[in-house]
Amino acid sequence: MIIASHITALAALAVGANALFNCEFSVDGQGFDLRALGRSDHKISQYIKTPPSLTKISWYVNPCGAVGADEDAPANAKLCPAGSQVCGIEKVQLPDSDEWNLVGIIPVSGDAKHPGTSNVTSTATGLQLELAGGAWGDLTDLRAVIDFVCDHDDDKESTLEFANFDFKTLRLSWTSRHACSKSAPGTPPEKAPSSPTPTDPAPSEPDPTTPDNPDKDVNVEGGGWGFFTWVFVLGLLGCVAYVGLHAWRNYKRYGTVTPANARSSEFLRDIPFLLRDFVRKVAGTFSAGTSTGYTSV
């Protein structure tokens, strides 16, 4: 009889072990791997005001294995029935006391005697895992619903948050990069699209005023004054030559440099026209000298 009871217990443990959720799976053609979240038990506490006392339920969760199975697991986790993946340890604190008294152990995902079931579906933000089959006294068909939220930020730690427990369904939210889709098991991962080769920025147009741009003939404001100076000098020399020529001609014709009758003199008659032409030349040179554009050579 003793041997038979041991065989029955071992069979029950085997059933419970087989009922554990497999953390490497495929949903809707997408591969997922939550095994990194099952390397240890995770804990989150719920507090309920139950006057005159305060009730605390510490929820222990392991999506890939039985809670409390690790030798280094907390003592409270070891109180959970063998084979349960989600289990609550309920304790009460009385007024004017610092002690927490154990009042209940709540396996919501099944145990060795009540094998649990699991179901996983894809959601818009990741996955939803349902672990059911738990029983606690008169409460049967307990279940835990865990919403896994994908977070692609590798620098953030996974975050487990309590949502609600109505003594039938425990709801939790778990944000983690491990909840993001991967290639399905047994298939090569998808090749990430190659990023476009960055193009070199277009070289900025060189400053036309710099000596590094020898292919440009530049006229900048004030640059025409040198040319104007040369025109003025040449024009002045021309005037001097012109006056000298007329003086020499008058000397040969009248015997004097200045004619006796200045009003009839060709020299004086030509002076206004000479000045007019000179002024026009100077004005045209000044206008061209103030140009700020540039022309190709």
C-alpha atoms as a PDB file:
ATOM      1  CA  MET A   1       0.000   0.000   0.000  1.00  0.00           C
ATOM      2  CA  ILE A   2       2.819   2.370   0.862  1.00  0.00           C
ATOM      3  CA  ILE A   3       4.557   1.622  -2.437  1.00  0.00           C
ATOM      4  CA  ALA A   4       1.305   2.148  -4.315  1.00  0.00           C
ATOM      5  CA  SER A   5       0.761   5.526  -2.657  1.00  0.00           C
ATOM      6  CA  HIS A   6       4.264   6.631  -3.609  1.00  0.00           C
ATOM      7  CA  ILE A   7       3.663   5.555  -7.210  1.00  0.00           C
ATOM      8  CA  THR A   8       0.415   7.550  -7.264  1.00  0.00           C
ATOM      9  CA  ALA A   9       2.149  10.637  -5.881  1.00  0.00           C
ATOM     10  CA  LEU A  10       4.948  10.374  -8.449  1.00  0.00           C
ATOM     11  CA  ALA A  11       2.384  10.027 -11.242  1.00  0.00           C
ATOM     12  CA  ALA A  12       0.576  13.098 -10.006  1.00  0.00           C
ATOM     13  CA  LEU A  13       3.826  15.045  -9.960  1.00  0.00           C
ATOM     14  CA  ALA A  14       4.573  13.892 -13.483  1.00  0.00           C
ATOM     15  CA  VAL A  15       1.160  15.094 -14.654  1.00  0.00           C
ATOM     16  CA  GLY A  16       1.751  18.435 -12.961  1.00  0.00           C
ATOM     17  CA  ALA A  17       5.186  18.745 -14.550  1.00  0.00           C
ATOM     18  CA  ASN A  18       3.787  17.939 -17.987  1.00  0.00           C
ATOM     19  CA  ALA A  19       1.098  20.579 -17.494  1.00  0.00           C
ATOM     20  CA  LEU A  20       3.657  23.347 -17.074  1.00  0.00           C
ATOM     21  CA  PHE A  21       3.512  25.948 -19.780  1.00  0.00           C
ATOM     22  CA  ASN A  22       6.170  25.685 -22.493  1.00  0.00           C
ATOM     23  CA  CYS A  23       7.773  29.130 -22.757  1.00  0.00           C
ATOM     24  CA  GLU A  24       9.108  28.603 -26.292  1.00  0.00           C
ATOM     25  CA  PHE A  25       6.187  28.554 -28.693  1.00  0.00           C
ATOM     26  CA  SER A  26       4.644  29.970 -31.856  1.00  0.00           C
ATOM     27  CA  VAL A  27       1.408  31.945 -32.177  1.00  0.00           C
ATOM     28  CA  ASP A  28      -0.101  33.009 -35.498  1.00  0.00           C
ATOM     29  CA  GLY A  29       3.153  32.160 -37.251  1.00  0.00           C
ATOM     30  CA  GLN A  30       5.232  34.308 -34.902  1.00  0.00           C
ATOM     31  CA  GLY A  31       7.833  32.812 -32.592  1.00  0.00           C
ATOM     32  CA  PHE A  32       8.106  33.765 -28.907  1.00  0.00           C
ATOM     33  CA  ASP A  33      10.556  32.825 -26.186  1.00  0.00           C
ATOM     34  CA  LEU A  34       9.768  33.628 -22.533  1.00  0.00           C
ATOM     35  CA  ARG A  35      12.338  31.276 -21.034  1.00  0.00           C
ATOM     36  CA  ALA A  36      14.399  34.144 -19.686  1.00  0.00           C
ATOM     37  CA  LEU A  37      11.450  35.087 -17.459  1.00  0.00           C
ATOM     38  CA  GLY A  38      11.314  31.603 -15.942  1.00  0.00           C
ATOM     39  CA  ARG A  39      14.809  31.477 -14.522  1.00  0.00           C
ATOM     40  CA  SER A  40      13.486  32.526 -11.132  1.00  0.00           C
ATOM     41  CA  ASP A  41      10.244  33.234  -9.305  1.00  0.00           C
ATOM     42  CA  HIS A  42       8.756  36.711  -9.545  1.00  0.00           C
ATOM     43  CA  LYS A  43       6.857  38.325  -6.721  1.00  0.00           C
ATOM     44  CA  ILE A  44       4.289  41.096  -6.506  1.00  0.00           C
ATOM     45  CA  SER A  45       2.182  41.980  -3.467  1.00  0.00           C
ATOM     46  CA  GLN A  46      -1.476  42.975  -3.134  1.00  0.00           C
ATOM     47  CA  TYR A  47      -2.809  44.760  -0.043  1.00  0.00           C
ATOM     48  CA  ILE A  48      -6.462  44.625   1.045  1.00  0.00           C
ATOM     49  CA  LYS A  49      -7.989  46.559   3.934  1.00  0.00           C
ATOM     50  CA  THR A  50      -9.922  44.038   6.035  1.00  0.00           C
ATOM     51  CA  PRO A  51     -10.785  45.962   9.227  1.00  0.00           C
ATOM     52  CA  PRO A  52      -9.633  45.656  11.830  1.00  0.00           C
ATOM     53  CA  SER A  53      -6.747  43.886  10.083  1.00  0.00           C
ATOM     54  CA  LEU A  54      -4.698  44.380   6.913  1.00  0.00           C
ATOM     55  CA  THR A  55      -4.413  41.526   4.419  1.00  0.00           C
ATOM     56  CA  LYS A  56      -1.468  41.025   2.126  1.00  0.00           C
ATOM     57  CA  ILE A  57      -1.343  38.489  -0.699  1.00  0.00           C
ATOM     58  CA  SER A  58       2.121  37.909  -2.091  1.00  0.00           C
ATOM     59  CA  TRP A  59       1.785  36.495  -5.607  1.00  0.00           C
ATOM     60  CA  TYR A  60       4.608  34.295  -6.828  1.00  0.00           C
ATOM     61  CA  VAL A  61       4.781  33.751 -10.582  1.00  0.00           C
ATOM     62  CA  ASN A  62       6.945  31.585 -12.810  1.00  0.00           C
ATOM     63  CA  PRO A  63       5.613  31.295 -16.377  1.00  0.00           C
ATOM     64  CA  CYS A  64       8.006  28.495 -17.275  1.00  0.00           C
ATOM     65  CA  GLY A  65       8.175  26.355 -14.160  1.00  0.00           C
ATOM     66  CA  ALA A  66       6.811  25.611 -10.712  1.00  0.00           C
ATOM     67  CA  VAL A  67       7.210  28.323  -8.095  1.00  0.00           C
ATOM     68  CA  GLY A  68       9.270  27.442  -5.042  1.00  0.00           C
ATOM     69  CA  ALA A  69      11.081  24.621  -6.828  1.00  0.00           C
ATOM     70  CA  ASP A  70      14.438  26.396  -6.758  1.00  0.00           C
ATOM     71  CA  GLU A  71      16.585  25.773  -3.689  1.00  0.00           C
ATOM     72  CA  ASP A  72      17.212  29.513  -3.438  1.00  0.00           C
ATOM     73  CA  ALA A  73      13.506  30.352  -3.607  1.00  0.00           C
ATOM     74  CA  PRO A  74      12.045  32.381  -0.701  1.00  0.00           C
ATOM     75  CA  ALA A  75      10.578  30.375   2.159  1.00  0.00           C
ATOM     76  CA  ASN A  76       7.089  31.692   1.399  1.00  0.00           C
ATOM     77  CA  ALA A  77       7.317  30.492  -2.208  1.00  0.00           C
ATOM     78  CA  LYS A  78       8.177  27.025  -0.971  1.00  0.00           C
ATOM     79  CA  LEU A  79       4.786  26.944   0.761  1.00  0.00           C
ATOM     80  CA  CYS A  80       3.048  26.821  -2.624  1.00  0.00           C
ATOM     81  CA  PRO A  81       1.786  23.418  -3.780  1.00  0.00           C
ATOM     82  CA  ALA A  82       4.190  21.560  -6.045  1.00  0.00           C
ATOM     83  CA  GLY A  83       3.510  22.168  -9.712  1.00  0.00           C
ATOM     84  CA  SER A  84       1.707  25.520  -9.389  1.00  0.00           C
ATOM     85  CA  GLN A  85       3.031  28.300 -11.610  1.00  0.00           C
ATOM     86  CA  VAL A  86       1.057  31.119  -9.974  1.00  0.00           C
ATOM     87  CA  CYS A  87       0.471  31.030  -6.250  1.00  0.00           C
ATOM     88  CA  GLY A  88      -0.576  33.513  -3.605  1.00  0.00           C
ATOM     89  CA  ILE A  89       0.523  33.498   0.038  1.00  0.00           C
ATOM     90  CA  GLU A  90      -2.111  35.304   2.109  1.00  0.00           C
ATOM     91  CA  LYS A  91      -1.148  36.843   5.427  1.00  0.00           C
ATOM     92  CA  VAL A  92      -2.945  39.114   7.873  1.00  0.00           C
ATOM     93  CA  GLN A  93      -1.567  41.818  10.136  1.00  0.00           C
ATOM     94  CA  LEU A  94      -3.575  42.643  13.244  1.00  0.00           C
ATOM     95  CA  PRO A  95      -3.792  46.169  14.690  1.00  0.00           C
ATOM     96  CA  ASP A  96      -0.854  47.275  16.836  1.00  0.00           C
ATOM     97  CA  SER A  97       1.239  44.373  15.559  1.00  0.00           C
ATOM     98  CA  ASP A  98       4.193  44.103  13.209  1.00  0.00           C
ATOM     99  CA  GLU A  99       3.741  40.406  12.562  1.00  0.00           C
ATOM    100  CA  TRP A 100       2.100  38.875   9.524  1.00  0.00           C
ATOM    101  CA  ASN A 101       0.139  35.685  10.210  1.00  0.00           C
ATOM    102  CA  LEU A 102      -0.331  33.090   7.478  1.00  0.00           C
ATOM    103  CA  VAL A 103      -4.012  32.488   6.728  1.00  0.00           C
ATOM    104  CA  GLY A 104      -4.108  31.020   3.205  1.00  0.00           C
ATOM    105  CA  ILE A 105      -2.210  29.515   0.267  1.00  0.00           C
ATOM    106  CA  ILE A 106      -3.905  30.147  -3.093  1.00  0.00           C
ATOM    107  CA  PRO A 107      -2.722  28.097  -6.102  1.00  0.00           C
ATOM    108  CA  VAL A 108      -4.471  29.711  -9.077  1.00  0.00           C
ATOM    109  CA  SER A 109      -2.731  27.797 -11.848  1.00  0.00           C
ATOM    110  CA  GLY A 110      -3.145  24.221 -10.675  1.00  0.00           C
ATOM    111  CA  ASP A 111      -0.887  21.905  -8.747  1.00  0.00           C
ATOM    112  CA  ALA A 112       0.211  18.296  -8.715  1.00  0.00           C
ATOM    113  CA  LYS A 113      -3.238  17.100  -7.692  1.00  0.00           C
ATOM    114  CA  HIS A 114      -5.129  19.462  -9.984  1.00  0.00           C
ATOM    115  CA  PRO A 115      -3.176  19.714 -13.252  1.00  0.00           C
ATOM    116  CA  GLY A 116      -3.492  23.157 -14.759  1.00  0.00           C
ATOM    117  CA  THR A 117      -4.218  24.136 -18.319  1.00  0.00           C
ATOM    118  CA  SER A 118      -2.674  26.881 -20.379  1.00  0.00           C
ATOM    119  CA  ASN A 119      -3.756  28.942 -23.349  1.00  0.00           C
ATOM    120  CA  VAL A 120      -1.883  31.715 -25.127  1.00  0.00           C
ATOM    121  CA  THR A 121      -3.151  34.177 -27.726  1.00  0.00           C
ATOM    122  CA  SER A 122      -1.602  37.127 -29.520  1.00  0.00           C
ATOM    123  CA  THR A 123      -2.720  40.667 -28.778  1.00  0.00           C
ATOM    124  CA  ALA A 124      -2.079  44.094 -30.267  1.00  0.00           C
ATOM    125  CA  THR A 125       0.658  44.730 -27.693  1.00  0.00           C
ATOM    126  CA  GLY A 126       2.102  41.244 -27.274  1.00  0.00           C
ATOM    127  CA  LEU A 127       0.581  38.109 -25.744  1.00  0.00           C
ATOM    128  CA  GLN A 128      -2.071  36.994 -23.301  1.00  0.00           C
ATOM    129  CA  LEU A 129      -1.324  33.860 -21.275  1.00  0.00           C
ATOM    130  CA  GLU A 130      -4.027  32.080 -19.288  1.00  0.00           C
ATOM    131  CA  LEU A 131      -2.990  29.554 -16.645  1.00  0.00           C
ATOM    132  CA  ALA A 132      -6.005  27.806 -15.097  1.00  0.00           C
ATOM    133  CA  GLY A 133      -6.960  24.787 -13.004  1.00  0.00           C
ATOM    134  CA  GLY A 134      -6.353  26.069  -9.499  1.00  0.00           C
ATOM    135  CA  ALA A 135      -8.578  25.297  -6.517  1.00  0.00           C
ATOM    136  CA  TRP A 136      -8.710  26.861  -3.064  1.00  0.00           C
ATOM    137  CA  GLY A 137     -11.237  25.419  -0.654  1.00  0.00           C
ATOM    138  CA  ASP A 138     -14.696  25.987  -2.063  1.00  0.00           C
ATOM    139  CA  LEU A 139     -13.251  28.137  -4.845  1.00  0.00           C
ATOM    140  CA  THR A 140     -12.583  26.072  -7.936  1.00  0.00           C
ATOM    141  CA  ASP A 141     -11.488  26.832 -11.452  1.00  0.00           C
ATOM    142  CA  LEU A 142      -9.174  29.613 -10.391  1.00  0.00           C
ATOM    143  CA  ARG A 143      -7.067  31.080 -13.146  1.00  0.00           C
ATOM    144  CA  ALA A 144      -4.370  33.663 -13.803  1.00  0.00           C
ATOM    145  CA  VAL A 145      -4.448  35.894 -16.881  1.00  0.00           C
ATOM    146  CA  ILE A 146      -1.120  37.531 -17.677  1.00  0.00           C
ATOM    147  CA  ASP A 147      -0.930  40.237 -20.359  1.00  0.00           C
ATOM    148  CA  PHE A 148       2.599  40.323 -21.756  1.00  0.00           C
ATOM    149  CA  VAL A 149       3.433  43.697 -23.266  1.00  0.00           C
ATOM    150  CA  CYS A 150       6.260  43.909 -25.781  1.00  0.00           C
ATOM    151  CA  ASP A 151       8.910  46.537 -25.078  1.00  0.00           C
ATOM    152  CA  HIS A 152      11.805  46.721 -27.549  1.00  0.00           C
ATOM    153  CA  ASP A 153      13.989  48.744 -25.187  1.00  0.00           C
ATOM    154  CA  ASP A 154      16.776  46.344 -24.184  1.00  0.00           C
ATOM    155  CA  ASP A 155      17.949  48.684 -21.436  1.00  0.00           C
ATOM    156  CA  LYS A 156      14.743  48.378 -19.418  1.00  0.00           C
ATOM    157  CA  GLU A 157      14.140  45.636 -16.899  1.00  0.00           C
ATOM    158  CA  SER A 158      11.009  43.505 -17.116  1.00  0.00           C
ATOM    159  CA  THR A 159       8.156  44.890 -15.028  1.00  0.00           C
ATOM    160  CA  LEU A 160       5.420  42.774 -13.399  1.00  0.00           C
ATOM    161  CA  GLU A 161       2.338  44.694 -12.216  1.00  0.00           C
ATOM    162  CA  PHE A 162      -0.763  43.630 -10.302  1.00  0.00           C
ATOM    163  CA  ALA A 163      -4.102  44.471 -11.951  1.00  0.00           C
ATOM    164  CA  ASN A 164      -6.947  42.701 -10.115  1.00  0.00           C
ATOM    165  CA  PHE A 165      -8.035  39.621  -8.201  1.00  0.00           C
ATOM    166  CA  ASP A 166     -11.734  38.870  -7.634  1.00  0.00           C
ATOM    167  CA  PHE A 167     -11.118  35.520  -5.889  1.00  0.00           C
ATOM    168  CA  LYS A 168     -11.622  33.766  -9.195  1.00  0.00           C
ATOM    169  CA  THR A 169      -9.331  35.442 -11.745  1.00  0.00           C
ATOM    170  CA  LEU A 170      -5.968  36.982 -11.053  1.00  0.00           C
ATOM    171  CA  ARG A 171      -4.936  39.545 -13.663  1.00  0.00           C
ATOM    172  CA  LEU A 172      -1.331  40.661 -14.089  1.00  0.00           C
ATOM    173  CA  SER A 173       0.546  42.816 -16.600  1.00  0.00           C
ATOM    174  CA  TRP A 174       4.119  41.990 -17.586  1.00  0.00           C
ATOM    175  CA  THR A 175       6.152  44.389 -19.710  1.00  0.00           C
ATOM    176  CA  SER A 176       9.312  42.892 -21.158  1.00  0.00           C
ATOM    177  CA  ARG A 177      11.447  42.753 -24.274  1.00  0.00           C
ATOM    178  CA  HIS A 178      11.058  38.972 -24.114  1.00  0.00           C
ATOM    179  CA  ALA A 179       7.386  39.391 -24.989  1.00  0.00           C
ATOM    180  CA  CYS A 180       8.332  40.635 -28.455  1.00  0.00           C
ATOM    181  CA  SER A 181       7.946  38.354 -31.433  1.00  0.00           C
ATOM    182  CA  LYS A 182      10.877  36.298 -32.655  1.00  0.00           C
ATOM    183  CA  SER A 183      11.218  33.794 -35.454  1.00  0.00           C
ATOM    184  CA  ALA A 184       9.216  30.616 -34.926  1.00  0.00           C
ATOM    185  CA  PRO A 185      11.155  27.735 -33.290  1.00  0.00           C
ATOM    186  CA  GLY A 186      13.074  25.696 -35.826  1.00  0.00           C
ATOM    187  CA  THR A 187      13.069  28.427 -38.481  1.00  0.00           C
ATOM    188  CA  PRO A 188      15.907  30.805 -39.235  1.00  0.00           C
ATOM    189  CA  PRO A 189      15.395  34.317 -37.992  1.00  0.00           C
ATOM    190  CA  GLU A 190      14.236  36.863 -40.471  1.00  0.00           C
ATOM    191  CA  LYS A 191      17.008  38.888 -41.995  1.00  0.00           C
ATOM    192  CA  ALA A 192      16.782  42.443 -40.866  1.00  0.00           C
ATOM    193  CA  PRO A 193      16.490  44.872 -43.754  1.00  0.00           C
ATOM    194  CA  SER A 194      19.823  46.398 -44.547  1.00  0.00           C
ATOM    195  CA  SER A 195      20.047  50.012 -43.695  1.00  0.00           C
ATOM    196  CA  PRO A 196      20.707  52.292 -46.637  1.00  0.00           C
ATOM    197  CA  THR A 197      24.285  53.364 -47.097  1.00  0.00           C
ATOM    198  CA  PRO A 198      24.574  56.865 -45.797  1.00  0.00           C
ATOM    199  CA  THR A 199      25.371  59.280 -48.552  1.00  0.00           C
ATOM    200  CA  ASP A 200      28.049  61.867 -48.171  1.00  0.00           C
ATOM    201  CA  PRO A 201      26.601  65.307 -47.639  1.00  0.00           C
ATOM    202  CA  ALA A 202      26.750  67.527 -50.661  1.00  0.00           C
ATOM    203  CA  PRO A 203      29.820  69.728 -50.463  1.00  0.00           C
ATOM    204  CA  SER A 204      28.967  73.273 -49.701  1.00  0.00           C
ATOM    205  CA  GLU A 205      29.605  75.752 -52.469  1.00  0.00           C
ATOM    206  CA  PRO A 206      32.929  77.489 -51.839  1.00  0.00           C
ATOM    207  CA  ASP A 207      32.918  81.132 -51.029  1.00  0.00           C
ATOM    208  CA  PRO A 208      33.574  82.978 -54.304  1.00  0.00           C
ATOM    209  CA  THR A 209      35.714  85.485 -52.437  1.00  0.00           C
ATOM    210  CA  THR A 210      38.221  82.895 -51.205  1.00  0.00           C
ATOM    211  CA  PRO A 211      41.453  82.071 -53.029  1.00  0.00           C
ATOM    212  CA  ASP A 212      40.453  78.368 -53.027  1.00  0.00           C
ATOM    213  CA  ASN A 213      38.065  79.034 -55.899  1.00  0.00           C
ATOM    214  CA  PRO A 214      40.287  80.112 -58.796  1.00  0.00           C
ATOM    215  CA  ASP A 215      37.586  79.420 -61.403  1.00  0.00           C
ATOM    216  CA  LYS A 216      35.532  82.441 -60.455  1.00  0.00           C
ATOM    217  CA  ASP A 217      36.057  86.060 -61.493  1.00  0.00           C
ATOM    218  CA  VAL A 218      34.636  88.073 -58.654  1.00  0.00           C
ATOM    219  CA  ASN A 219      33.549  91.660 -58.477  1.00  0.00           C
ATOM    220  CA  VAL A 220      32.707  92.689 -54.948  1.00  0.00           C
ATOM    221  CA  GLU A 221      31.483  96.025 -53.710  1.00  0.00           C
ATOM    222  CA  GLY A 222      34.310  98.573 -53.821  1.00  0.00           C
ATOM    223  CA  GLY A 223      36.449  96.426 -56.126  1.00  0.00           C
ATOM    224  CA  GLY A 224      35.781  98.676 -59.173  1.00  0.00           C
ATOM    225  CA  TRP A 225      37.563 101.660 -57.676  1.00  0.00           C
ATOM    226  CA  GLY A 226      40.927 100.324 -58.856  1.00  0.00           C
ATOM    227  CA  PHE A 227      39.704 100.113 -62.429  1.00  0.00           C
ATOM    228  CA  PHE A 228      38.106 103.542 -62.125  1.00  0.00           C
ATOM    229  CA  THR A 229      41.391 105.000 -60.931  1.00  0.00           C
ATOM    230  CA  TRP A 230      43.147 103.680 -64.004  1.00  0.00           C
ATOM    231  CA  VAL A 231      40.415 105.087 -66.268  1.00  0.00           C
ATOM    232  CA  PHE A 232      40.656 108.439 -64.504  1.00  0.00           C
ATOM    233  CA  VAL A 233      44.442 108.562 -64.901  1.00  0.00           C
ATOM    234  CA  LEU A 234      44.300 107.527 -68.546  1.00  0.00           C
ATOM    235  CA  GLY A 235      41.507 110.019 -69.201  1.00  0.00           C
ATOM    236  CA  LEU A 236      43.463 112.761 -67.473  1.00  0.00           C
ATOM    237  CA  LEU A 237      46.535 111.947 -69.527  1.00  0.00           C
ATOM    238  CA  GLY A 238      44.381 112.001 -72.631  1.00  0.00           C
ATOM    239  CA  CYS A 239      43.029 115.427 -71.707  1.00  0.00           C
ATOM    240  CA  VAL A 240      46.534 116.726 -71.110  1.00  0.00           C
ATOM    241  CA  ALA A 241      47.630 115.376 -74.456  1.00  0.00           C
ATOM    242  CA  TYR A 242      44.539 116.818 -76.105  1.00  0.00           C
ATOM    243  CA  VAL A 243      45.129 120.262 -74.584  1.00  0.00           C
ATOM    244  CA  GLY A 244      48.797 120.132 -75.524  1.00  0.00           C
ATOM    245  CA  LEU A 245      47.935 119.195 -79.097  1.00  0.00           C
ATOM    246  CA  HIS A 246      45.534 122.112 -79.399  1.00  0.00           C
ATOM    247  CA  ALA A 247      48.070 124.452 -77.824  1.00  0.00           C
ATOM    248  CA  TRP A 248      50.689 123.359 -80.315  1.00  0.00           C
ATOM    249  CA  ARG A 249      48.223 123.760 -83.195  1.00  0.00           C
ATOM    250  CA  ASN A 250      47.257 127.256 -82.031  1.00  0.00           C
ATOM    251  CA  TYR A 251      50.874 128.192 -81.704  1.00  0.00           C
ATOM    252  CA  LYS A 252      51.558 127.123 -85.265  1.00  0.00           C
ATOM    253  CA  ARG A 253      48.414 128.841 -86.544  1.00  0.00           C
ATOM    254  CA  TYR A 254      48.280 132.033 -84.451  1.00  0.00           C
ATOM    255  CA  GLY A 255      51.771 132.285 -83.086  1.00  0.00           C
ATOM    256  CA  THR A 256      50.523 131.966 -79.535  1.00  0.00           C
ATOM    257  CA  VAL A 257      49.233 129.171 -77.285  1.00  0.00           C
ATOM    258  CA  THR A 258      45.995 130.962 -76.481  1.00  0.00           C
ATOM    259  CA  PRO A 259      44.084 132.373 -79.462  1.00  0.00           C
ATOM    260  CA  ALA A 260      43.328 136.049 -79.479  1.00  0.00           C
ATOM    261  CA  ASN A 261      39.602 135.529 -79.958  1.00  0.00           C
ATOM    262  CA  ALA A 262      38.631 132.870 -77.411  1.00  0.00           C
ATOM    263  CA  ARG A 263      34.969 132.643 -78.565  1.00  0.00           C
ATOM    264  CA  SER A 264      36.014 131.686 -82.081  1.00  0.00           C
ATOM    265  CA  SER A 265      38.701 129.382 -80.943  1.00  0.00           C
ATOM    266  CA  GLU A 266      38.219 125.700 -81.802  1.00  0.00           C
ATOM    267  CA  PHE A 267      40.009 124.837 -78.602  1.00  0.00           C
ATOM    268  CA  LEU A 268      37.450 126.476 -76.373  1.00  0.00           C
ATOM    269  CA  ARG A 269      34.622 125.150 -78.503  1.00  0.00           C
ATOM    270  CA  ASP A 270      35.772 121.575 -78.061  1.00  0.00           C
ATOM    271  CA  ILE A 271      36.267 121.756 -74.298  1.00  0.00           C
ATOM    272  CA  PRO A 272      32.513 121.248 -73.338  1.00  0.00           C
ATOM    273  CA  PHE A 273      32.285 118.177 -75.536  1.00  0.00           C
ATOM    274  CA  LEU A 274      35.469 116.819 -74.095  1.00  0.00           C
ATOM    275  CA  LEU A 275      34.221 117.301 -70.528  1.00  0.00           C
ATOM    276  CA  ARG A 276      30.855 115.724 -71.375  1.00  0.00           C
ATOM    277  CA  ASP A 277      32.507 112.619 -72.819  1.00  0.00           C
ATOM    278  CA  PHE A 278      34.807 112.391 -69.821  1.00  0.00           C
ATOM    279  CA  VAL A 279      31.920 112.673 -67.322  1.00  0.00           C
ATOM    280  CA  ARG A 280      29.961 109.944 -69.138  1.00  0.00           C
ATOM    281  CA  LYS A 281      32.968 107.675 -69.076  1.00  0.00           C
ATOM    282  CA  VAL A 282      33.483 108.240 -65.366  1.00  0.00           C
ATOM    283  CA  ALA A 283      29.764 107.652 -64.587  1.00  0.00           C
ATOM    284  CA  GLY A 284      29.687 104.414 -66.580  1.00  0.00           C
ATOM    285  CA  THR A 285      32.821 103.176 -64.866  1.00  0.00           C
ATOM    286  CA  PHE A 286      31.419 103.983 -61.418  1.00  0.00           C
ATOM    287  CA  SER A 287      28.171 102.082 -62.136  1.00  0.00           C
ATOM    288  CA  ALA A 288      30.053  99.010 -63.319  1.00  0.00           C
ATOM    289  CA  GLY A 289      32.409  99.172 -60.327  1.00  0.00           C
ATOM    290  CA  THR A 290      29.610  98.768 -57.743  1.00  0.00           C
ATOM    291  CA  SER A 291      28.409  95.392 -59.094  1.00  0.00           C
ATOM    292  CA  THR A 292      28.315  92.592 -56.448  1.00  0.00           C
ATOM    293  CA  GLY A 293      27.687  89.660 -58.774  1.00  0.00           C
ATOM    294  CA  TYR A 294      30.177  87.320 -60.353  1.00  0.00           C
ATOM    295  CA  THR A 295      30.666  85.975 -63.849  1.00  0.00           C
ATOM    296  CA  SER A 296      32.318  82.786 -65.051  1.00  0.00           C
ATOM    297  CA  VAL A 297      35.663  83.050 -66.736  1.00  0.00           C
END
